[in-house]
Amino acid sequence: MIGWIILGVVVLAAFYAIAIYNGLVKNRQMVEEGWSGIDVQLKRRTDLIPNLLETVKGYMSHERETLEAVTNARAAATAASNGTPEQRAAAEGQLSSALGKLIAVAEAYPDLKANTTFLEFQAALQTVEDEIQMSRRYYNGATRNLNVMVESFPSNLVANGFGFKKAEYFELENEADRAVPTVKFN
């Protein structure tokens, strides 16, 4: 009789460990999906920038420093595309800052603000910025769920046994970079 009870406890423990393992796998997949969403949106933003810069160049030829800052920040963000979330956040923060400066400088050019192409890029950029913010929230939520399981008892026993690691949050280092650049021309 005791043998059956022990066997029953072992079987229940095994099923519980399997359920925990599957939960960890699910959460890890959600983190990877979230990161993929951020990556797609950041790529969309870096793809928009050359067209935006071409539109702006004709109007802002003597704002070379601002244009070069955006170009350099875009190159750094592209180079960091295979980095960790922390490295990627730093590069994207610099890009957001440079775009914010570009937008601020563009306010001084009424003809540019009225340009249809520029307004279309401005709207597309705002949409992408909103998508990045939503993707960041999803990723960080998925990261939180995984990290809770990796650190909580008894799931941490299964996580450590199978090599599950905490994921990094996608956070911007500079407080000013945390805000989505205000893109307003009307």
N, C-alpha and C. Protein backbone atom coordinates (compact mmCIF):
# COMPACT_ATOMS: atom_id res chain seq x y z
N MET A 1 0.81 -1.20 0.00
CA MET A 1 0.00 0.00 0.00
C MET A 1 0.86 1.27 0.00
N ILE A 2 1.88 1.32 0.84
CA ILE A 2 2.77 2.48 0.90
C ILE A 2 3.50 2.64 -0.44
N GLY A 3 3.82 1.57 -1.08
CA GLY A 3 4.48 1.61 -2.39
C GLY A 3 3.63 2.32 -3.42
N TRP A 4 2.29 2.05 -3.40
CA TRP A 4 1.38 2.71 -4.33
C TRP A 4 1.26 4.20 -4.02
N ILE A 5 1.27 4.54 -2.75
CA ILE A 5 1.19 5.95 -2.37
C ILE A 5 2.45 6.68 -2.83
N ILE A 6 3.59 6.07 -2.61
CA ILE A 6 4.86 6.68 -3.04
C ILE A 6 4.88 6.82 -4.56
N LEU A 7 4.45 5.78 -5.25
CA LEU A 7 4.40 5.83 -6.71
C LEU A 7 3.45 6.94 -7.17
N GLY A 8 2.29 7.07 -6.52
CA GLY A 8 1.33 8.12 -6.86
C GLY A 8 1.92 9.50 -6.65
N VAL A 9 2.64 9.69 -5.53
CA VAL A 9 3.27 10.98 -5.25
C VAL A 9 4.34 11.29 -6.29
N VAL A 10 5.12 10.30 -6.66
CA VAL A 10 6.17 10.49 -7.67
C VAL A 10 5.55 10.84 -9.01
N VAL A 11 4.49 10.16 -9.40
CA VAL A 11 3.83 10.44 -10.67
C VAL A 11 3.24 11.86 -10.66
N LEU A 12 2.58 12.24 -9.55
CA LEU A 12 2.04 13.61 -9.45
C LEU A 12 3.15 14.65 -9.50
N ALA A 13 4.27 14.39 -8.84
CA ALA A 13 5.41 15.32 -8.86
C ALA A 13 5.96 15.43 -10.28
N ALA A 14 6.02 14.31 -10.99
CA ALA A 14 6.52 14.33 -12.36
C ALA A 14 5.59 15.16 -13.26
N PHE A 15 4.28 14.96 -13.12
CA PHE A 15 3.33 15.75 -13.91
C PHE A 15 3.43 17.23 -13.56
N TYR A 16 3.62 17.53 -12.28
CA TYR A 16 3.75 18.92 -11.86
C TYR A 16 5.02 19.54 -12.47
N ALA A 17 6.12 18.78 -12.45
CA ALA A 17 7.38 19.27 -13.04
C ALA A 17 7.22 19.47 -14.54
N ILE A 18 6.49 18.59 -15.20
CA ILE A 18 6.24 18.73 -16.64
C ILE A 18 5.41 19.98 -16.90
N ALA A 19 4.40 20.23 -16.08
CA ALA A 19 3.57 21.43 -16.25
C ALA A 19 4.41 22.69 -16.05
N ILE A 20 5.29 22.69 -15.06
CA ILE A 20 6.17 23.84 -14.83
C ILE A 20 7.10 24.02 -16.03
N TYR A 21 7.70 22.94 -16.50
CA TYR A 21 8.60 23.01 -17.66
C TYR A 21 7.87 23.60 -18.86
N ASN A 22 6.67 23.10 -19.12
CA ASN A 22 5.90 23.61 -20.26
C ASN A 22 5.56 25.09 -20.09
N GLY A 23 5.28 25.52 -18.87
CA GLY A 23 5.03 26.94 -18.61
C GLY A 23 6.27 27.78 -18.87
N LEU A 24 7.42 27.26 -18.49
CA LEU A 24 8.67 27.97 -18.76
C LEU A 24 8.93 28.08 -20.26
N VAL A 25 8.70 26.99 -20.98
CA VAL A 25 8.89 27.01 -22.44
C VAL A 25 7.93 28.01 -23.07
N LYS A 26 6.67 28.01 -22.64
CA LYS A 26 5.68 28.95 -23.17
C LYS A 26 6.13 30.38 -22.93
N ASN A 27 6.56 30.68 -21.71
CA ASN A 27 6.99 32.04 -21.40
C ASN A 27 8.24 32.44 -22.18
N ARG A 28 9.16 31.51 -22.36
CA ARG A 28 10.36 31.81 -23.15
C ARG A 28 9.98 32.12 -24.60
N GLN A 29 9.03 31.37 -25.14
CA GLN A 29 8.57 31.61 -26.50
C GLN A 29 7.88 32.96 -26.62
N MET A 30 7.14 33.35 -25.59
CA MET A 30 6.48 34.66 -25.60
C MET A 30 7.51 35.78 -25.56
N VAL A 31 8.59 35.59 -24.81
CA VAL A 31 9.66 36.60 -24.79
C VAL A 31 10.28 36.71 -26.17
N GLU A 32 10.55 35.58 -26.80
CA GLU A 32 11.14 35.60 -28.15
C GLU A 32 10.18 36.24 -29.15
N GLU A 33 8.90 35.95 -29.02
CA GLU A 33 7.91 36.58 -29.90
C GLU A 33 7.87 38.09 -29.67
N GLY A 34 7.91 38.49 -28.41
CA GLY A 34 7.91 39.91 -28.08
C GLY A 34 9.14 40.61 -28.64
N TRP A 35 10.28 39.97 -28.52
CA TRP A 35 11.51 40.57 -29.05
C TRP A 35 11.44 40.69 -30.56
N SER A 36 10.86 39.69 -31.19
CA SER A 36 10.69 39.73 -32.64
C SER A 36 9.80 40.91 -33.04
N GLY A 37 8.75 41.17 -32.27
CA GLY A 37 7.87 42.30 -32.55
C GLY A 37 8.59 43.62 -32.43
N ILE A 38 9.42 43.77 -31.40
CA ILE A 38 10.21 44.98 -31.25
C ILE A 38 11.17 45.13 -32.42
N ASP A 39 11.82 44.03 -32.77
CA ASP A 39 12.79 44.05 -33.87
C ASP A 39 12.14 44.49 -35.17
N VAL A 40 10.96 43.99 -35.45
CA VAL A 40 10.26 44.36 -36.69
C VAL A 40 9.95 45.85 -36.70
N GLN A 41 9.45 46.37 -35.59
CA GLN A 41 9.08 47.79 -35.54
C GLN A 41 10.31 48.69 -35.62
N LEU A 42 11.39 48.30 -34.96
CA LEU A 42 12.61 49.09 -35.03
C LEU A 42 13.18 49.08 -36.44
N LYS A 43 13.07 47.96 -37.12
CA LYS A 43 13.51 47.87 -38.51
C LYS A 43 12.66 48.78 -39.41
N ARG A 44 11.36 48.79 -39.16
CA ARG A 44 10.48 49.67 -39.94
C ARG A 44 10.89 51.13 -39.75
N ARG A 45 11.23 51.48 -38.50
CA ARG A 45 11.63 52.87 -38.24
C ARG A 45 12.93 53.19 -38.95
N THR A 46 13.91 52.30 -38.87
CA THR A 46 15.19 52.60 -39.54
C THR A 46 15.03 52.63 -41.05
N ASP A 47 14.07 51.88 -41.58
CA ASP A 47 13.82 51.93 -43.02
C ASP A 47 13.14 53.23 -43.45
N LEU A 48 12.36 53.84 -42.57
CA LEU A 48 11.70 55.11 -42.89
C LEU A 48 12.67 56.29 -42.90
N ILE A 49 13.69 56.22 -42.09
CA ILE A 49 14.56 57.37 -41.87
C ILE A 49 15.27 57.87 -43.13
N PRO A 50 15.84 57.02 -43.98
CA PRO A 50 16.50 57.56 -45.19
C PRO A 50 15.55 58.38 -46.07
N ASN A 51 14.32 57.90 -46.22
CA ASN A 51 13.34 58.63 -47.03
C ASN A 51 12.97 59.95 -46.37
N LEU A 52 12.82 59.93 -45.06
CA LEU A 52 12.52 61.16 -44.33
C LEU A 52 13.66 62.16 -44.48
N LEU A 53 14.90 61.66 -44.36
CA LEU A 53 16.06 62.54 -44.50
C LEU A 53 16.16 63.13 -45.90
N GLU A 54 15.87 62.34 -46.92
CA GLU A 54 15.91 62.86 -48.29
C GLU A 54 14.89 63.98 -48.48
N THR A 55 13.72 63.81 -47.89
CA THR A 55 12.70 64.85 -47.98
C THR A 55 13.15 66.11 -47.26
N VAL A 56 13.77 65.95 -46.13
CA VAL A 56 14.18 67.08 -45.29
C VAL A 56 15.40 67.81 -45.85
N LYS A 57 16.31 67.08 -46.48
CA LYS A 57 17.58 67.67 -46.94
C LYS A 57 17.41 68.91 -47.81
N GLY A 58 16.47 68.87 -48.71
CA GLY A 58 16.26 70.00 -49.59
C GLY A 58 15.87 71.27 -48.86
N TYR A 59 15.19 71.11 -47.76
CA TYR A 59 14.73 72.27 -46.99
C TYR A 59 15.74 72.70 -45.92
N MET A 60 16.51 71.76 -45.43
CA MET A 60 17.37 72.03 -44.28
C MET A 60 18.84 71.85 -44.63
N SER A 61 19.27 72.32 -45.75
CA SER A 61 20.64 72.08 -46.20
C SER A 61 21.68 72.61 -45.23
N HIS A 62 21.39 73.66 -44.50
CA HIS A 62 22.39 74.20 -43.58
C HIS A 62 22.27 73.60 -42.17
N GLU A 63 21.43 72.60 -41.98
CA GLU A 63 21.30 71.89 -40.70
C GLU A 63 22.05 70.56 -40.78
N ARG A 64 23.21 70.60 -41.39
CA ARG A 64 23.99 69.40 -41.66
C ARG A 64 24.27 68.58 -40.39
N GLU A 65 24.59 69.25 -39.32
CA GLU A 65 24.92 68.56 -38.07
C GLU A 65 23.75 67.70 -37.58
N THR A 66 22.56 68.24 -37.64
CA THR A 66 21.37 67.50 -37.21
C THR A 66 21.12 66.30 -38.12
N LEU A 67 21.24 66.51 -39.42
CA LEU A 67 21.04 65.42 -40.37
C LEU A 67 22.08 64.32 -40.18
N GLU A 68 23.33 64.71 -39.94
CA GLU A 68 24.38 63.72 -39.72
C GLU A 68 24.16 62.96 -38.42
N ALA A 69 23.65 63.64 -37.39
CA ALA A 69 23.37 62.97 -36.12
C ALA A 69 22.33 61.88 -36.30
N VAL A 70 21.30 62.16 -37.09
CA VAL A 70 20.27 61.15 -37.35
C VAL A 70 20.85 60.00 -38.16
N THR A 71 21.64 60.33 -39.17
CA THR A 71 22.26 59.29 -40.00
C THR A 71 23.17 58.40 -39.17
N ASN A 72 23.99 59.01 -38.33
CA ASN A 72 24.91 58.23 -37.48
C ASN A 72 24.16 57.39 -36.45
N ALA A 73 23.10 57.96 -35.87
CA ALA A 73 22.31 57.21 -34.89
C ALA A 73 21.60 56.04 -35.56
N ARG A 74 21.13 56.25 -36.78
CA ARG A 74 20.48 55.15 -37.52
C ARG A 74 21.49 54.04 -37.80
N ALA A 75 22.70 54.42 -38.20
CA ALA A 75 23.74 53.42 -38.46
C ALA A 75 24.07 52.64 -37.19
N ALA A 76 24.15 53.33 -36.06
CA ALA A 76 24.44 52.66 -34.79
C ALA A 76 23.30 51.71 -34.40
N ALA A 77 22.06 52.14 -34.62
CA ALA A 77 20.91 51.29 -34.31
C ALA A 77 20.89 50.06 -35.20
N THR A 78 21.22 50.24 -36.46
CA THR A 78 21.28 49.10 -37.38
C THR A 78 22.39 48.14 -36.98
N ALA A 79 23.54 48.68 -36.58
CA ALA A 79 24.66 47.84 -36.15
C ALA A 79 24.34 47.06 -34.88
N ALA A 80 23.50 47.62 -34.02
CA ALA A 80 23.16 46.98 -32.76
C ALA A 80 22.00 45.99 -32.89
N SER A 81 21.53 45.77 -34.10
CA SER A 81 20.34 44.94 -34.29
C SER A 81 20.49 43.51 -33.79
N ASN A 82 21.70 43.01 -33.68
CA ASN A 82 21.90 41.65 -33.17
C ASN A 82 22.38 41.65 -31.72
N GLY A 83 22.37 42.81 -31.08
CA GLY A 83 22.84 42.92 -29.72
C GLY A 83 21.80 42.50 -28.70
N THR A 84 22.16 42.62 -27.45
CA THR A 84 21.25 42.32 -26.35
C THR A 84 20.19 43.41 -26.27
N PRO A 85 19.11 43.14 -25.54
CA PRO A 85 18.11 44.21 -25.37
C PRO A 85 18.71 45.48 -24.78
N GLU A 86 19.65 45.36 -23.88
CA GLU A 86 20.28 46.54 -23.28
C GLU A 86 21.07 47.33 -24.32
N GLN A 87 21.86 46.64 -25.16
CA GLN A 87 22.62 47.31 -26.21
C GLN A 87 21.68 47.93 -27.24
N ARG A 88 20.65 47.21 -27.58
CA ARG A 88 19.69 47.69 -28.57
C ARG A 88 18.96 48.92 -28.05
N ALA A 89 18.58 48.89 -26.77
CA ALA A 89 17.87 50.02 -26.16
C ALA A 89 18.75 51.27 -26.17
N ALA A 90 20.04 51.11 -25.89
CA ALA A 90 20.95 52.26 -25.89
C ALA A 90 21.03 52.88 -27.28
N ALA A 91 21.20 52.05 -28.29
CA ALA A 91 21.29 52.56 -29.67
C ALA A 91 19.98 53.18 -30.11
N GLU A 92 18.87 52.56 -29.78
CA GLU A 92 17.56 53.10 -30.17
C GLU A 92 17.25 54.38 -29.41
N GLY A 93 17.73 54.49 -28.19
CA GLY A 93 17.56 55.72 -27.43
C GLY A 93 18.27 56.88 -28.10
N GLN A 94 19.48 56.63 -28.60
CA GLN A 94 20.22 57.67 -29.32
C GLN A 94 19.48 58.07 -30.60
N LEU A 95 18.92 57.09 -31.28
CA LEU A 95 18.17 57.36 -32.50
C LEU A 95 16.92 58.18 -32.19
N SER A 96 16.21 57.83 -31.15
CA SER A 96 15.02 58.59 -30.76
C SER A 96 15.38 60.03 -30.42
N SER A 97 16.48 60.20 -29.74
CA SER A 97 16.94 61.54 -29.38
C SER A 97 17.27 62.35 -30.63
N ALA A 98 18.00 61.74 -31.56
CA ALA A 98 18.37 62.43 -32.80
C ALA A 98 17.13 62.78 -33.63
N LEU A 99 16.16 61.87 -33.68
CA LEU A 99 14.92 62.15 -34.40
C LEU A 99 14.15 63.29 -33.74
N GLY A 100 14.15 63.31 -32.42
CA GLY A 100 13.49 64.40 -31.70
C GLY A 100 14.11 65.74 -32.04
N LYS A 101 15.44 65.79 -32.14
CA LYS A 101 16.12 67.03 -32.52
C LYS A 101 15.78 67.43 -33.95
N LEU A 102 15.72 66.44 -34.84
CA LEU A 102 15.37 66.71 -36.23
C LEU A 102 13.96 67.31 -36.31
N ILE A 103 13.05 66.74 -35.60
CA ILE A 103 11.68 67.22 -35.60
C ILE A 103 11.62 68.64 -35.04
N ALA A 104 12.37 68.90 -33.98
CA ALA A 104 12.38 70.25 -33.39
C ALA A 104 12.94 71.27 -34.37
N VAL A 105 14.01 70.92 -35.07
CA VAL A 105 14.61 71.83 -36.04
C VAL A 105 13.65 72.05 -37.22
N ALA A 106 12.91 71.02 -37.61
CA ALA A 106 11.99 71.13 -38.75
C ALA A 106 10.87 72.13 -38.49
N GLU A 107 10.58 72.40 -37.23
CA GLU A 107 9.55 73.39 -36.89
C GLU A 107 9.86 74.76 -37.47
N ALA A 108 11.14 75.04 -37.69
CA ALA A 108 11.53 76.36 -38.20
C ALA A 108 11.37 76.49 -39.71
N TYR A 109 10.88 75.47 -40.38
CA TYR A 109 10.76 75.47 -41.83
C TYR A 109 9.29 75.30 -42.25
N PRO A 110 8.57 76.41 -42.44
CA PRO A 110 7.14 76.33 -42.77
C PRO A 110 6.87 75.57 -44.07
N ASP A 111 7.75 75.74 -45.06
CA ASP A 111 7.54 75.03 -46.33
C ASP A 111 7.66 73.52 -46.13
N LEU A 112 8.59 73.13 -45.29
CA LEU A 112 8.78 71.70 -45.00
C LEU A 112 7.56 71.15 -44.27
N LYS A 113 7.06 71.91 -43.31
CA LYS A 113 5.90 71.45 -42.54
C LYS A 113 4.68 71.28 -43.43
N ALA A 114 4.62 71.98 -44.54
CA ALA A 114 3.48 71.90 -45.45
C ALA A 114 3.69 70.86 -46.55
N ASN A 115 4.89 70.30 -46.67
CA ASN A 115 5.21 69.35 -47.72
C ASN A 115 4.44 68.04 -47.48
N THR A 116 3.68 67.59 -48.47
CA THR A 116 2.85 66.40 -48.35
C THR A 116 3.68 65.16 -48.06
N THR A 117 4.78 64.99 -48.76
CA THR A 117 5.63 63.83 -48.55
C THR A 117 6.16 63.80 -47.12
N PHE A 118 6.59 64.96 -46.64
CA PHE A 118 7.10 65.04 -45.28
C PHE A 118 6.00 64.71 -44.27
N LEU A 119 4.80 65.19 -44.52
CA LEU A 119 3.69 64.90 -43.61
C LEU A 119 3.35 63.41 -43.60
N GLU A 120 3.46 62.77 -44.77
CA GLU A 120 3.22 61.33 -44.83
C GLU A 120 4.28 60.56 -44.04
N PHE A 121 5.54 60.97 -44.18
CA PHE A 121 6.60 60.32 -43.40
C PHE A 121 6.44 60.59 -41.92
N GLN A 122 6.01 61.79 -41.59
CA GLN A 122 5.78 62.14 -40.19
C GLN A 122 4.69 61.25 -39.60
N ALA A 123 3.61 61.05 -40.33
CA ALA A 123 2.52 60.19 -39.86
C ALA A 123 2.98 58.74 -39.74
N ALA A 124 3.74 58.27 -40.72
CA ALA A 124 4.25 56.90 -40.67
C ALA A 124 5.20 56.72 -39.49
N LEU A 125 6.04 57.70 -39.25
CA LEU A 125 6.98 57.64 -38.13
C LEU A 125 6.22 57.60 -36.81
N GLN A 126 5.18 58.39 -36.68
CA GLN A 126 4.39 58.39 -35.44
C GLN A 126 3.73 57.04 -35.23
N THR A 127 3.21 56.46 -36.31
CA THR A 127 2.59 55.14 -36.22
C THR A 127 3.60 54.10 -35.77
N VAL A 128 4.79 54.14 -36.35
CA VAL A 128 5.84 53.18 -35.97
C VAL A 128 6.25 53.38 -34.51
N GLU A 129 6.36 54.63 -34.09
CA GLU A 129 6.72 54.90 -32.69
C GLU A 129 5.68 54.32 -31.74
N ASP A 130 4.41 54.44 -32.10
CA ASP A 130 3.34 53.87 -31.29
C ASP A 130 3.44 52.34 -31.26
N GLU A 131 3.75 51.75 -32.41
CA GLU A 131 3.90 50.29 -32.48
C GLU A 131 5.10 49.82 -31.66
N ILE A 132 6.17 50.58 -31.68
CA ILE A 132 7.35 50.24 -30.88
C ILE A 132 6.98 50.25 -29.40
N GLN A 133 6.24 51.25 -28.99
CA GLN A 133 5.84 51.34 -27.59
C GLN A 133 4.98 50.13 -27.20
N MET A 134 4.02 49.75 -28.04
CA MET A 134 3.19 48.59 -27.74
C MET A 134 4.01 47.30 -27.72
N SER A 135 4.92 47.16 -28.67
CA SER A 135 5.78 45.98 -28.72
C SER A 135 6.67 45.90 -27.49
N ARG A 136 7.18 47.05 -27.06
CA ARG A 136 8.03 47.09 -25.86
C ARG A 136 7.25 46.64 -24.64
N ARG A 137 6.01 47.10 -24.53
CA ARG A 137 5.18 46.69 -23.39
C ARG A 137 4.92 45.18 -23.40
N TYR A 138 4.61 44.64 -24.57
CA TYR A 138 4.36 43.20 -24.68
C TYR A 138 5.60 42.42 -24.29
N TYR A 139 6.74 42.82 -24.86
CA TYR A 139 7.99 42.12 -24.57
C TYR A 139 8.32 42.18 -23.08
N ASN A 140 8.21 43.35 -22.49
CA ASN A 140 8.55 43.48 -21.07
C ASN A 140 7.58 42.70 -20.20
N GLY A 141 6.31 42.60 -20.59
CA GLY A 141 5.36 41.77 -19.85
C GLY A 141 5.71 40.29 -19.95
N ALA A 142 6.07 39.85 -21.15
CA ALA A 142 6.47 38.46 -21.33
C ALA A 142 7.77 38.17 -20.56
N THR A 143 8.68 39.14 -20.56
CA THR A 143 9.93 39.00 -19.81
C THR A 143 9.64 38.88 -18.32
N ARG A 144 8.73 39.72 -17.83
CA ARG A 144 8.35 39.65 -16.41
C ARG A 144 7.81 38.27 -16.06
N ASN A 145 6.92 37.72 -16.89
CA ASN A 145 6.33 36.41 -16.61
C ASN A 145 7.39 35.32 -16.57
N LEU A 146 8.33 35.35 -17.53
CA LEU A 146 9.39 34.37 -17.54
C LEU A 146 10.28 34.53 -16.31
N ASN A 147 10.66 35.75 -16.00
CA ASN A 147 11.56 35.99 -14.87
C ASN A 147 10.92 35.57 -13.55
N VAL A 148 9.61 35.77 -13.40
CA VAL A 148 8.93 35.34 -12.18
C VAL A 148 9.01 33.83 -12.05
N MET A 149 8.78 33.12 -13.14
CA MET A 149 8.86 31.66 -13.08
C MET A 149 10.28 31.18 -12.81
N VAL A 150 11.27 31.85 -13.41
CA VAL A 150 12.67 31.44 -13.22
C VAL A 150 13.10 31.66 -11.77
N GLU A 151 12.54 32.66 -11.12
CA GLU A 151 12.97 32.98 -9.75
C GLU A 151 12.07 32.40 -8.66
N SER A 152 10.85 32.01 -8.97
CA SER A 152 9.90 31.55 -7.96
C SER A 152 10.08 30.07 -7.65
N PHE A 153 9.81 29.75 -6.38
CA PHE A 153 9.83 28.35 -5.95
C PHE A 153 8.46 27.76 -6.20
N PRO A 154 8.32 26.58 -6.70
CA PRO A 154 9.30 25.55 -7.03
C PRO A 154 9.73 25.58 -8.49
N SER A 155 9.15 26.51 -9.28
CA SER A 155 9.50 26.53 -10.70
C SER A 155 10.98 26.84 -10.92
N ASN A 156 11.62 27.51 -9.96
CA ASN A 156 13.05 27.79 -10.12
C ASN A 156 13.88 26.51 -10.10
N LEU A 157 13.40 25.48 -9.44
CA LEU A 157 14.12 24.20 -9.44
C LEU A 157 14.13 23.59 -10.84
N VAL A 158 12.98 23.63 -11.49
CA VAL A 158 12.89 23.12 -12.87
C VAL A 158 13.68 24.03 -13.81
N ALA A 159 13.55 25.35 -13.64
CA ALA A 159 14.25 26.31 -14.50
C ALA A 159 15.76 26.11 -14.40
N ASN A 160 16.27 26.01 -13.20
CA ASN A 160 17.71 25.79 -13.03
C ASN A 160 18.15 24.45 -13.60
N GLY A 161 17.33 23.43 -13.41
CA GLY A 161 17.66 22.10 -13.91
C GLY A 161 17.73 22.03 -15.42
N PHE A 162 16.93 22.84 -16.10
CA PHE A 162 16.90 22.82 -17.56
C PHE A 162 17.55 24.04 -18.20
N GLY A 163 18.22 24.85 -17.41
CA GLY A 163 19.01 25.95 -17.96
C GLY A 163 18.21 27.17 -18.41
N PHE A 164 17.03 27.37 -17.87
CA PHE A 164 16.27 28.58 -18.21
C PHE A 164 16.91 29.77 -17.51
N LYS A 165 17.06 30.86 -18.21
CA LYS A 165 17.68 32.08 -17.67
C LYS A 165 16.69 33.22 -17.70
N LYS A 166 16.93 34.20 -16.84
CA LYS A 166 16.12 35.41 -16.85
C LYS A 166 16.38 36.16 -18.16
N ALA A 167 15.35 36.81 -18.66
CA ALA A 167 15.48 37.63 -19.86
C ALA A 167 15.72 39.07 -19.44
N GLU A 168 16.32 39.85 -20.33
CA GLU A 168 16.57 41.26 -20.07
C GLU A 168 15.37 42.08 -20.52
N TYR A 169 15.03 43.08 -19.73
CA TYR A 169 13.98 44.01 -20.11
C TYR A 169 14.52 44.95 -21.18
N PHE A 170 13.63 45.48 -22.00
CA PHE A 170 13.99 46.47 -23.00
C PHE A 170 13.68 47.82 -22.40
N GLU A 171 14.69 48.46 -21.85
CA GLU A 171 14.52 49.74 -21.16
C GLU A 171 15.46 50.76 -21.75
N LEU A 172 14.98 51.99 -21.81
CA LEU A 172 15.82 53.08 -22.27
C LEU A 172 16.56 53.66 -21.08
N GLU A 173 17.85 53.95 -21.27
CA GLU A 173 18.68 54.41 -20.17
C GLU A 173 18.42 55.87 -19.82
N ASN A 174 18.27 56.71 -20.81
CA ASN A 174 18.11 58.14 -20.60
C ASN A 174 16.63 58.45 -20.39
N GLU A 175 16.29 59.13 -19.30
CA GLU A 175 14.90 59.49 -19.02
C GLU A 175 14.26 60.24 -20.18
N ALA A 176 15.01 61.13 -20.81
CA ALA A 176 14.46 61.90 -21.92
C ALA A 176 14.12 61.00 -23.10
N ASP A 177 14.86 59.90 -23.25
CA ASP A 177 14.61 58.98 -24.36
C ASP A 177 13.40 58.09 -24.12
N ARG A 178 12.91 58.04 -22.87
CA ARG A 178 11.76 57.19 -22.57
C ARG A 178 10.50 57.69 -23.25
N ALA A 179 10.43 58.98 -23.48
CA ALA A 179 9.26 59.54 -24.13
C ALA A 179 9.36 59.36 -25.64
N VAL A 180 8.25 59.05 -26.24
CA VAL A 180 8.20 58.94 -27.70
C VAL A 180 8.40 60.34 -28.25
N PRO A 181 9.25 60.50 -29.24
CA PRO A 181 9.45 61.85 -29.78
C PRO A 181 8.12 62.44 -30.24
N THR A 182 7.91 63.69 -29.92
CA THR A 182 6.69 64.37 -30.35
C THR A 182 6.89 64.79 -31.79
N VAL A 183 6.03 64.28 -32.63
CA VAL A 183 6.11 64.57 -34.06
C VAL A 183 4.85 65.33 -34.42
N LYS A 184 4.96 66.65 -34.47
CA LYS A 184 3.80 67.50 -34.71
C LYS A 184 4.19 68.63 -35.64
N PHE A 185 3.47 68.77 -36.75
CA PHE A 185 3.80 69.82 -37.71
C PHE A 185 2.62 70.71 -38.04
N ASN A 186 1.46 70.37 -37.55
CA ASN A 186 0.27 71.15 -37.91
C ASN A 186 0.07 72.30 -36.95
